[in-house]
Amino acid sequence: MYKPPKGTPEDLRIAATVQYLFATWFEQMSNIIIAVYEDSDRLQHARRKKFESWFEDSGVDYIEKHDFEFTEEEGTRLASLFIHMDFVAKEQAITNFISAIVNGHVSI
């Protein structure tokens, strides 16, 4: 798990903000969240794990989380796609996201 530098207090407002976002953003079923985890310090796995804990603690049970890992010249990129499970075009949205990354139309 990501540990902030010693002496740095954890900002509980971040968790509350992310959880509020999950609870309200998906009131509109066609909304999607794509989280890309910063990797400049090679702590992207810890960031994904922290974000996942916020997602799980939000208690929102109508959102699906799909994790992606892409290897590029610069290194491994991690992303998560959060999507409402009742979104009519869910499978197409996921396919389009993967296709955009694989075909180089989007760089994460």
N, C-alpha and C. Protein backbone atom coordinates (compact mmCIF):
# COMPACT_ATOMS: atom_id res chain seq x y z
N MET A 1 0.84 -1.17 0.00
CA MET A 1 0.00 0.00 0.00
C MET A 1 0.89 1.24 0.00
N TYR A 2 0.45 2.26 -0.70
CA TYR A 2 1.19 3.52 -0.77
C TYR A 2 1.29 4.14 0.61
N LYS A 3 2.49 4.52 0.98
CA LYS A 3 2.73 5.21 2.24
C LYS A 3 3.28 6.59 1.93
N PRO A 4 2.59 7.65 2.39
CA PRO A 4 3.12 8.99 2.16
C PRO A 4 4.41 9.18 2.93
N PRO A 5 5.21 10.16 2.54
CA PRO A 5 6.46 10.40 3.29
C PRO A 5 6.17 10.57 4.78
N LYS A 6 7.11 10.13 5.59
CA LYS A 6 6.96 10.20 7.05
C LYS A 6 6.61 11.62 7.48
N GLY A 7 5.62 11.73 8.34
CA GLY A 7 5.21 13.03 8.84
C GLY A 7 4.11 13.68 8.02
N THR A 8 3.72 13.05 6.91
CA THR A 8 2.66 13.61 6.07
C THR A 8 1.33 13.00 6.50
N PRO A 9 0.40 13.83 6.99
CA PRO A 9 -0.90 13.27 7.40
C PRO A 9 -1.72 12.86 6.18
N GLU A 10 -2.47 11.78 6.34
CA GLU A 10 -3.36 11.35 5.26
C GLU A 10 -4.53 12.32 5.17
N ASP A 11 -4.81 12.78 3.99
CA ASP A 11 -5.91 13.73 3.80
C ASP A 11 -7.20 12.94 3.61
N LEU A 12 -8.00 12.87 4.66
CA LEU A 12 -9.24 12.10 4.63
C LEU A 12 -10.26 12.70 3.67
N ARG A 13 -10.07 13.97 3.33
CA ARG A 13 -11.00 14.60 2.40
C ARG A 13 -10.89 13.99 1.00
N ILE A 14 -9.72 13.45 0.66
CA ILE A 14 -9.55 12.83 -0.66
C ILE A 14 -10.46 11.61 -0.75
N ALA A 15 -10.42 10.75 0.25
CA ALA A 15 -11.28 9.56 0.25
C ALA A 15 -12.74 9.95 0.18
N ALA A 16 -13.13 10.94 0.98
CA ALA A 16 -14.53 11.37 0.99
C ALA A 16 -14.94 11.95 -0.35
N THR A 17 -14.05 12.68 -0.99
CA THR A 17 -14.35 13.27 -2.31
C THR A 17 -14.52 12.18 -3.36
N VAL A 18 -13.62 11.21 -3.38
CA VAL A 18 -13.71 10.11 -4.35
C VAL A 18 -14.98 9.31 -4.12
N GLN A 19 -15.32 9.04 -2.87
CA GLN A 19 -16.53 8.28 -2.57
C GLN A 19 -17.78 9.06 -2.95
N TYR A 20 -17.77 10.35 -2.73
CA TYR A 20 -18.90 11.20 -3.15
C TYR A 20 -19.04 11.18 -4.67
N LEU A 21 -17.91 11.22 -5.36
CA LEU A 21 -17.93 11.17 -6.82
C LEU A 21 -18.57 9.88 -7.30
N PHE A 22 -18.18 8.75 -6.72
CA PHE A 22 -18.79 7.48 -7.12
C PHE A 22 -20.30 7.48 -6.86
N ALA A 23 -20.71 8.05 -5.74
CA ALA A 23 -22.13 8.03 -5.37
C ALA A 23 -22.98 8.94 -6.24
N THR A 24 -22.41 10.04 -6.74
CA THR A 24 -23.21 11.01 -7.49
C THR A 24 -23.00 10.97 -9.00
N TRP A 25 -21.78 10.74 -9.43
CA TRP A 25 -21.47 10.78 -10.85
C TRP A 25 -22.28 9.74 -11.63
N PHE A 26 -22.49 8.60 -11.03
CA PHE A 26 -23.17 7.51 -11.73
C PHE A 26 -24.68 7.53 -11.59
N GLU A 27 -25.22 8.64 -11.07
CA GLU A 27 -26.67 8.81 -11.12
C GLU A 27 -27.11 8.87 -12.59
N GLN A 28 -26.23 9.35 -13.43
CA GLN A 28 -26.41 9.33 -14.89
C GLN A 28 -25.74 8.05 -15.38
N MET A 29 -26.51 7.07 -15.84
CA MET A 29 -25.98 5.75 -16.18
C MET A 29 -24.93 5.76 -17.28
N SER A 30 -24.93 6.77 -18.14
CA SER A 30 -23.99 6.78 -19.26
C SER A 30 -22.64 7.40 -18.90
N ASN A 31 -22.46 7.84 -17.65
CA ASN A 31 -21.18 8.41 -17.24
C ASN A 31 -20.16 7.31 -17.00
N ILE A 32 -18.91 7.63 -17.31
CA ILE A 32 -17.80 6.71 -17.13
C ILE A 32 -16.68 7.46 -16.43
N ILE A 33 -15.95 6.78 -15.58
CA ILE A 33 -14.75 7.35 -14.99
C ILE A 33 -13.57 6.50 -15.44
N ILE A 34 -12.54 7.17 -15.91
CA ILE A 34 -11.28 6.49 -16.24
C ILE A 34 -10.23 7.06 -15.30
N ALA A 35 -9.64 6.19 -14.51
CA ALA A 35 -8.59 6.60 -13.59
C ALA A 35 -7.26 6.09 -14.14
N VAL A 36 -6.32 6.99 -14.31
CA VAL A 36 -4.97 6.64 -14.76
C VAL A 36 -4.06 6.91 -13.57
N TYR A 37 -3.26 5.93 -13.21
CA TYR A 37 -2.46 6.01 -12.00
C TYR A 37 -1.04 6.48 -12.33
N GLU A 38 -0.66 7.60 -11.75
CA GLU A 38 0.65 8.22 -11.96
C GLU A 38 1.75 7.19 -11.73
N ASP A 39 2.73 7.18 -12.61
CA ASP A 39 3.77 6.17 -12.52
C ASP A 39 5.20 6.72 -12.49
N SER A 40 5.36 8.02 -12.38
CA SER A 40 6.70 8.60 -12.45
C SER A 40 7.61 8.11 -11.32
N ASP A 41 7.04 7.72 -10.19
CA ASP A 41 7.83 7.22 -9.07
C ASP A 41 7.66 5.71 -8.87
N ARG A 42 7.05 5.07 -9.84
CA ARG A 42 6.83 3.61 -9.84
C ARG A 42 5.90 3.14 -8.72
N LEU A 43 5.03 4.01 -8.25
CA LEU A 43 4.08 3.65 -7.20
C LEU A 43 2.67 3.50 -7.75
N GLN A 44 2.55 3.25 -9.05
CA GLN A 44 1.23 3.16 -9.68
C GLN A 44 0.40 2.01 -9.12
N HIS A 45 1.03 0.91 -8.76
CA HIS A 45 0.27 -0.22 -8.19
C HIS A 45 -0.32 0.15 -6.83
N ALA A 46 0.44 0.88 -6.03
CA ALA A 46 -0.06 1.32 -4.73
C ALA A 46 -1.20 2.32 -4.90
N ARG A 47 -1.08 3.19 -5.90
CA ARG A 47 -2.15 4.16 -6.14
C ARG A 47 -3.43 3.47 -6.58
N ARG A 48 -3.29 2.46 -7.45
CA ARG A 48 -4.48 1.72 -7.88
C ARG A 48 -5.13 1.01 -6.70
N LYS A 49 -4.32 0.44 -5.84
CA LYS A 49 -4.84 -0.26 -4.66
C LYS A 49 -5.58 0.71 -3.73
N LYS A 50 -5.02 1.91 -3.54
CA LYS A 50 -5.66 2.91 -2.68
C LYS A 50 -6.99 3.35 -3.28
N PHE A 51 -7.00 3.63 -4.58
CA PHE A 51 -8.22 4.05 -5.26
C PHE A 51 -9.27 2.94 -5.17
N GLU A 52 -8.83 1.70 -5.31
CA GLU A 52 -9.75 0.56 -5.20
C GLU A 52 -10.36 0.49 -3.81
N SER A 53 -9.58 0.78 -2.78
CA SER A 53 -10.13 0.74 -1.41
C SER A 53 -11.18 1.84 -1.24
N TRP A 54 -10.95 3.01 -1.83
CA TRP A 54 -11.95 4.08 -1.76
C TRP A 54 -13.23 3.66 -2.47
N PHE A 55 -13.06 3.02 -3.63
CA PHE A 55 -14.20 2.54 -4.40
C PHE A 55 -15.00 1.52 -3.59
N GLU A 56 -14.31 0.54 -3.02
CA GLU A 56 -14.99 -0.49 -2.22
C GLU A 56 -15.67 0.10 -1.00
N ASP A 57 -15.02 1.07 -0.36
CA ASP A 57 -15.59 1.69 0.84
C ASP A 57 -16.77 2.62 0.52
N SER A 58 -16.94 2.97 -0.74
CA SER A 58 -18.04 3.87 -1.12
C SER A 58 -19.40 3.19 -0.97
N GLY A 59 -19.41 1.85 -1.01
CA GLY A 59 -20.66 1.12 -0.85
C GLY A 59 -21.56 1.16 -2.07
N VAL A 60 -21.09 1.74 -3.16
CA VAL A 60 -21.88 1.81 -4.38
C VAL A 60 -21.76 0.45 -5.08
N ASP A 61 -22.90 -0.22 -5.24
CA ASP A 61 -22.86 -1.58 -5.76
C ASP A 61 -23.33 -1.71 -7.21
N TYR A 62 -23.55 -0.61 -7.89
CA TYR A 62 -24.03 -0.67 -9.27
C TYR A 62 -22.96 -0.20 -10.25
N ILE A 63 -21.72 -0.17 -9.81
CA ILE A 63 -20.61 0.23 -10.67
C ILE A 63 -19.67 -0.96 -10.83
N GLU A 64 -19.25 -1.18 -12.07
CA GLU A 64 -18.24 -2.20 -12.34
C GLU A 64 -16.90 -1.52 -12.51
N LYS A 65 -15.85 -2.20 -12.04
CA LYS A 65 -14.49 -1.69 -12.19
C LYS A 65 -13.72 -2.66 -13.07
N HIS A 66 -13.08 -2.11 -14.10
CA HIS A 66 -12.27 -2.91 -15.02
C HIS A 66 -10.86 -2.36 -15.00
N ASP A 67 -9.88 -3.19 -14.64
CA ASP A 67 -8.49 -2.76 -14.59
C ASP A 67 -7.77 -3.11 -15.88
N PHE A 68 -6.88 -2.21 -16.27
CA PHE A 68 -6.09 -2.40 -17.49
C PHE A 68 -4.63 -2.12 -17.18
N GLU A 69 -3.77 -2.88 -17.84
CA GLU A 69 -2.33 -2.69 -17.70
C GLU A 69 -1.74 -2.71 -19.11
N PHE A 70 -1.01 -1.66 -19.44
CA PHE A 70 -0.43 -1.53 -20.76
C PHE A 70 1.06 -1.29 -20.64
N THR A 71 1.82 -1.98 -21.46
CA THR A 71 3.26 -1.78 -21.47
C THR A 71 3.62 -0.90 -22.66
N GLU A 72 4.32 0.18 -22.35
CA GLU A 72 4.79 1.11 -23.37
C GLU A 72 6.30 1.25 -23.21
N GLU A 73 6.93 1.96 -24.12
CA GLU A 73 8.37 2.16 -24.03
C GLU A 73 8.78 2.76 -22.70
N GLU A 74 7.94 3.65 -22.17
CA GLU A 74 8.26 4.33 -20.91
C GLU A 74 8.04 3.44 -19.69
N GLY A 75 7.32 2.35 -19.85
CA GLY A 75 7.06 1.46 -18.72
C GLY A 75 5.63 0.98 -18.72
N THR A 76 5.22 0.45 -17.58
CA THR A 76 3.88 -0.09 -17.43
C THR A 76 2.93 0.99 -16.99
N ARG A 77 1.80 1.09 -17.68
CA ARG A 77 0.76 2.05 -17.35
C ARG A 77 -0.44 1.29 -16.79
N LEU A 78 -1.03 1.82 -15.75
CA LEU A 78 -2.21 1.22 -15.14
C LEU A 78 -3.38 2.18 -15.24
N ALA A 79 -4.54 1.63 -15.52
CA ALA A 79 -5.76 2.43 -15.59
C ALA A 79 -6.92 1.57 -15.13
N SER A 80 -7.96 2.23 -14.65
CA SER A 80 -9.20 1.55 -14.29
C SER A 80 -10.35 2.29 -14.96
N LEU A 81 -11.29 1.53 -15.44
CA LEU A 81 -12.50 2.10 -16.03
C LEU A 81 -13.65 1.72 -15.12
N PHE A 82 -14.38 2.72 -14.66
CA PHE A 82 -15.55 2.53 -13.80
C PHE A 82 -16.78 2.85 -14.63
N ILE A 83 -17.73 1.92 -14.64
CA ILE A 83 -18.89 2.08 -15.51
C ILE A 83 -20.14 1.52 -14.82
N HIS A 84 -21.25 2.18 -15.02
CA HIS A 84 -22.52 1.74 -14.44
C HIS A 84 -22.90 0.39 -15.04
N MET A 85 -23.26 -0.57 -14.21
CA MET A 85 -23.55 -1.92 -14.73
C MET A 85 -24.80 -1.96 -15.61
N ASP A 86 -25.66 -0.94 -15.53
CA ASP A 86 -26.85 -0.90 -16.37
C ASP A 86 -26.71 0.00 -17.60
N PHE A 87 -25.51 0.51 -17.84
CA PHE A 87 -25.27 1.34 -19.02
C PHE A 87 -25.52 0.49 -20.27
N VAL A 88 -26.43 0.93 -21.13
CA VAL A 88 -26.86 0.14 -22.28
C VAL A 88 -25.69 -0.23 -23.19
N ALA A 89 -24.76 0.68 -23.41
CA ALA A 89 -23.64 0.43 -24.33
C ALA A 89 -22.35 0.10 -23.57
N LYS A 90 -22.49 -0.56 -22.44
CA LYS A 90 -21.34 -0.85 -21.58
C LYS A 90 -20.25 -1.62 -22.30
N GLU A 91 -20.59 -2.72 -22.93
CA GLU A 91 -19.58 -3.54 -23.60
C GLU A 91 -18.89 -2.77 -24.72
N GLN A 92 -19.66 -1.98 -25.46
CA GLN A 92 -19.08 -1.18 -26.54
C GLN A 92 -18.13 -0.13 -25.99
N ALA A 93 -18.49 0.50 -24.87
CA ALA A 93 -17.63 1.51 -24.26
C ALA A 93 -16.31 0.90 -23.80
N ILE A 94 -16.37 -0.28 -23.21
CA ILE A 94 -15.15 -0.96 -22.77
C ILE A 94 -14.30 -1.33 -23.97
N THR A 95 -14.92 -1.88 -24.99
CA THR A 95 -14.20 -2.25 -26.21
C THR A 95 -13.55 -1.03 -26.86
N ASN A 96 -14.27 0.08 -26.92
CA ASN A 96 -13.73 1.30 -27.51
C ASN A 96 -12.52 1.82 -26.73
N PHE A 97 -12.60 1.73 -25.41
CA PHE A 97 -11.48 2.17 -24.59
C PHE A 97 -10.24 1.33 -24.87
N ILE A 98 -10.42 0.03 -24.86
CA ILE A 98 -9.29 -0.88 -25.12
C ILE A 98 -8.73 -0.63 -26.52
N SER A 99 -9.60 -0.52 -27.50
CA SER A 99 -9.18 -0.29 -28.88
C SER A 99 -8.39 1.01 -29.03
N ALA A 100 -8.84 2.06 -28.37
CA ALA A 100 -8.15 3.34 -28.45
C ALA A 100 -6.74 3.25 -27.89
N ILE A 101 -6.57 2.52 -26.80
CA ILE A 101 -5.25 2.35 -26.21
C ILE A 101 -4.37 1.48 -27.11
N VAL A 102 -4.89 0.33 -27.52
CA VAL A 102 -4.12 -0.61 -28.32
C VAL A 102 -3.69 0.00 -29.66
N ASN A 103 -4.56 0.78 -30.25
CA ASN A 103 -4.28 1.37 -31.55
C ASN A 103 -3.51 2.69 -31.47
N GLY A 104 -3.16 3.08 -30.25
CA GLY A 104 -2.35 4.28 -30.08
C GLY A 104 -3.08 5.59 -30.22
N HIS A 105 -4.43 5.54 -30.19
CA HIS A 105 -5.20 6.78 -30.31
C HIS A 105 -5.23 7.56 -29.00
N VAL A 106 -4.96 6.84 -27.92
CA VAL A 106 -4.93 7.46 -26.59
C VAL A 106 -3.69 6.94 -25.91
N SER A 107 -2.95 7.80 -25.31
CA SER A 107 -1.78 7.37 -24.55
C SER A 107 -2.06 7.63 -23.09
N ILE A 108 -1.96 6.59 -22.31
CA ILE A 108 -2.14 6.76 -20.87
C ILE A 108 -0.77 6.76 -20.30
